Protein backbone atom coordinates (compact mmCIF):
# COMPACT_ATOMS: atom_id res chain seq x y z
CA MET A 1 112.47 104.67 65.79
CA THR A 2 114.71 105.88 68.64
CA ASP A 3 117.33 103.96 70.53
CA ASN A 4 116.25 102.56 73.91
CA ASN A 5 119.02 104.61 75.54
CA ASP A 6 117.08 107.73 74.54
CA LYS A 7 113.97 106.59 76.44
CA PRO A 8 113.61 107.55 80.12
CA GLY A 9 111.57 104.44 80.93
CA HIS A 10 114.31 102.15 79.66
CA LEU A 11 117.00 104.09 81.52
CA ALA A 12 114.95 104.10 84.72
CA ARG A 13 114.47 100.33 84.47
CA ARG A 14 118.19 99.78 83.86
CA PHE A 15 119.14 102.01 86.79
CA GLN A 16 116.68 100.10 88.99
CA GLN A 17 118.27 96.80 87.94
CA ILE A 18 121.71 98.16 88.81
CA ALA A 19 120.50 99.66 92.09
CA VAL A 20 118.94 96.37 93.22
CA ALA A 21 122.02 94.34 92.23
CA VAL A 22 124.38 96.75 94.02
CA PHE A 23 122.16 96.82 97.13
CA HIS A 24 121.94 93.03 97.31
CA ALA A 25 125.69 92.57 96.84
CA ALA A 26 126.61 95.15 99.50
CA VAL A 27 124.07 93.86 102.02
CA GLU A 28 124.97 90.20 101.46
CA ASP A 29 128.70 90.99 101.77
CA ALA A 30 127.93 92.60 105.12
CA GLY A 31 126.14 89.42 106.24
CA TYR A 32 122.53 90.55 106.02
CA ASP A 33 119.50 89.17 104.21
CA LEU A 34 117.21 92.09 103.35
CA THR A 35 115.75 93.26 100.07
CA PRO A 36 115.59 96.96 99.23
CA VAL A 37 111.84 96.99 99.97
CA GLN A 38 112.32 95.17 103.29
CA TYR A 39 115.00 97.71 104.19
CA ALA A 40 112.69 100.62 103.30
CA ALA A 41 109.88 99.09 105.36
CA LEU A 42 112.15 98.37 108.33
CA THR A 43 113.59 101.89 108.39
CA THR A 44 110.11 103.40 108.16
CA VAL A 45 108.77 101.23 110.99
CA GLY A 46 111.84 102.16 113.02
CA MET A 47 111.18 105.86 112.49
CA GLN A 48 107.42 105.60 113.06
CA PRO A 49 106.68 103.05 115.79
CA GLY A 50 103.06 101.91 115.75
CA ILE A 51 102.56 102.59 112.04
CA ASP A 52 99.93 100.43 110.35
CA GLN A 53 100.58 98.43 107.18
CA ALA A 54 98.43 100.62 104.91
CA THR A 55 100.26 103.76 106.00
CA LEU A 56 103.60 101.98 105.66
CA ALA A 57 102.70 100.97 102.10
CA GLY A 58 101.86 104.57 101.22
CA LEU A 59 105.03 106.00 102.72
CA ILE A 60 107.31 103.64 100.80
CA ALA A 61 105.17 103.69 97.63
CA TYR A 62 104.34 100.01 97.73
CA ASP A 63 100.96 98.51 96.98
CA ARG A 64 98.80 97.67 99.98
CA THR A 65 98.28 94.04 98.97
CA THR A 66 101.96 93.24 98.49
CA ILE A 67 103.12 95.02 101.67
CA THR A 68 101.59 92.17 103.71
CA GLY A 69 104.20 89.74 102.37
CA VAL A 70 107.01 92.21 103.06
CA VAL A 71 105.86 92.65 106.65
CA ASP A 72 105.34 88.89 107.03
CA ARG A 73 108.99 88.31 106.11
CA LEU A 74 110.19 91.00 108.53
CA VAL A 75 108.11 89.39 111.28
CA GLN A 76 109.48 85.92 110.41
CA LYS A 77 113.02 87.30 110.61
CA GLY A 78 112.26 88.71 114.07
CA LEU A 79 112.84 92.31 112.96
CA VAL A 80 109.28 93.62 113.37
CA VAL A 81 106.30 92.68 115.54
CA ARG A 82 102.62 93.17 114.84
CA GLN A 83 100.40 94.33 117.67
CA ALA A 84 96.69 94.99 117.76
CA SER A 85 96.05 98.64 116.98
CA ARG A 86 94.64 100.67 119.84
CA THR A 87 92.64 102.83 117.45
CA ASP A 88 91.46 100.41 114.74
CA ARG A 89 90.56 96.78 115.49
CA ARG A 90 91.06 95.89 111.82
CA ALA A 91 94.65 97.19 111.73
CA HIS A 92 97.92 96.08 113.25
CA ALA A 93 100.48 98.44 114.68
CA LEU A 94 104.03 97.62 113.61
CA ARG A 95 107.03 98.01 115.87
CA ILE A 96 110.68 97.34 115.27
CA THR A 97 112.28 94.77 117.58
CA ASN A 98 115.67 95.05 119.27
CA GLU A 99 116.98 92.68 116.59
CA GLY A 100 115.50 94.94 113.92
CA ARG A 101 117.23 97.95 115.46
CA ARG A 102 120.55 96.05 115.59
CA THR A 103 120.06 95.03 111.96
CA LEU A 104 119.49 98.63 110.88
CA ASP A 105 122.53 99.81 112.82
CA GLY A 106 124.66 97.04 111.34
CA ILE A 107 123.44 97.26 107.77
CA GLU A 108 123.67 101.05 107.44
CA PRO A 109 127.36 101.19 106.37
CA ALA A 110 126.65 98.66 103.59
CA VAL A 111 123.57 100.60 102.44
CA GLU A 112 125.54 103.87 102.40
CA ALA A 113 128.31 102.18 100.39
CA ALA A 114 125.75 100.84 97.93
CA GLN A 115 124.27 104.32 97.46
CA ARG A 116 127.72 105.74 96.73
CA MET A 117 128.42 102.90 94.29
CA MET A 118 125.18 103.57 92.41
CA LEU A 119 126.34 107.13 91.80
CA GLY A 120 130.00 106.18 91.37
CA GLY A 121 130.31 107.33 87.77
CA LEU A 122 129.22 110.85 88.64
CA SER A 123 130.94 113.82 90.24
CA LYS A 124 129.43 115.11 93.49
CA ALA A 125 127.74 117.92 91.58
CA GLU A 126 126.38 115.51 88.95
CA ALA A 127 125.13 113.15 91.67
CA ALA A 128 123.35 116.03 93.41
CA THR A 129 121.80 117.09 90.09
CA LEU A 130 120.66 113.54 89.32
CA MET A 131 119.07 113.20 92.76
CA ARG A 132 117.32 116.56 92.39
CA LEU A 133 116.02 115.65 88.93
CA LEU A 134 114.88 112.18 90.04
CA ARG A 135 112.94 113.72 92.93
CA LYS A 136 111.39 116.26 90.55
CA ALA A 137 110.40 113.66 87.95
CA ILE A 138 109.01 111.33 90.63
CA ALA A 139 106.99 114.14 92.22
CA ALA A 140 105.55 115.07 88.82
CA GLY A 141 104.55 111.49 88.05
CA ASN A 142 103.71 110.24 91.54
CA GLU A 143 99.95 110.07 91.01
CA LEU A 144 100.43 108.08 87.80
CA SER A 145 101.89 105.18 89.79
CA ARG A 146 99.86 102.15 90.87
CA ALA A 147 101.23 102.87 94.36
CA PRO A 148 101.66 106.64 94.74
CA GLN A 149 103.99 107.61 97.54
CA GLN A 150 102.38 109.45 100.42
CA THR A 151 104.09 111.91 102.67
CA ALA A 152 103.90 111.64 106.45
CA LEU A 153 101.48 114.60 106.33
CA ASP A 154 99.21 112.75 103.85
CA ALA A 155 99.24 109.69 106.11
CA ALA A 156 98.40 111.77 109.20
CA ARG A 157 95.33 113.22 107.46
CA LYS A 158 93.75 109.79 107.00
């Protein structure tokens, strides 16, 4: 039997726990109330005005059922609005509000600090290597996920 610290799944789960804790602490200290998933959704809506929820879910690798609750909370916080889609009556187009834009602008220094803190035990070269290897491992296993991440190109093809 091998030690848990020799298992990538265990290490990935531990790093995720640390990443979420660091993100929450940095964001709360800066006076904001956003989860990592809400932040990912808000930044994606900000970069792609008019995106629908299903596409948003794919781009941030979140399941389509659960994304509704994430968007609901962003709407309740006044950061995003839903509008009827011009191309699909069943879908809603999402747009960031002025308050959402101000939140992103204000929260960004805290998010950047959190990212640096997550990699704080590594040299710049080690951090770059870790990021490269994480991207490689994620790309190799993407389709094994319950919510595979789509690229913008994948989303445009739908």
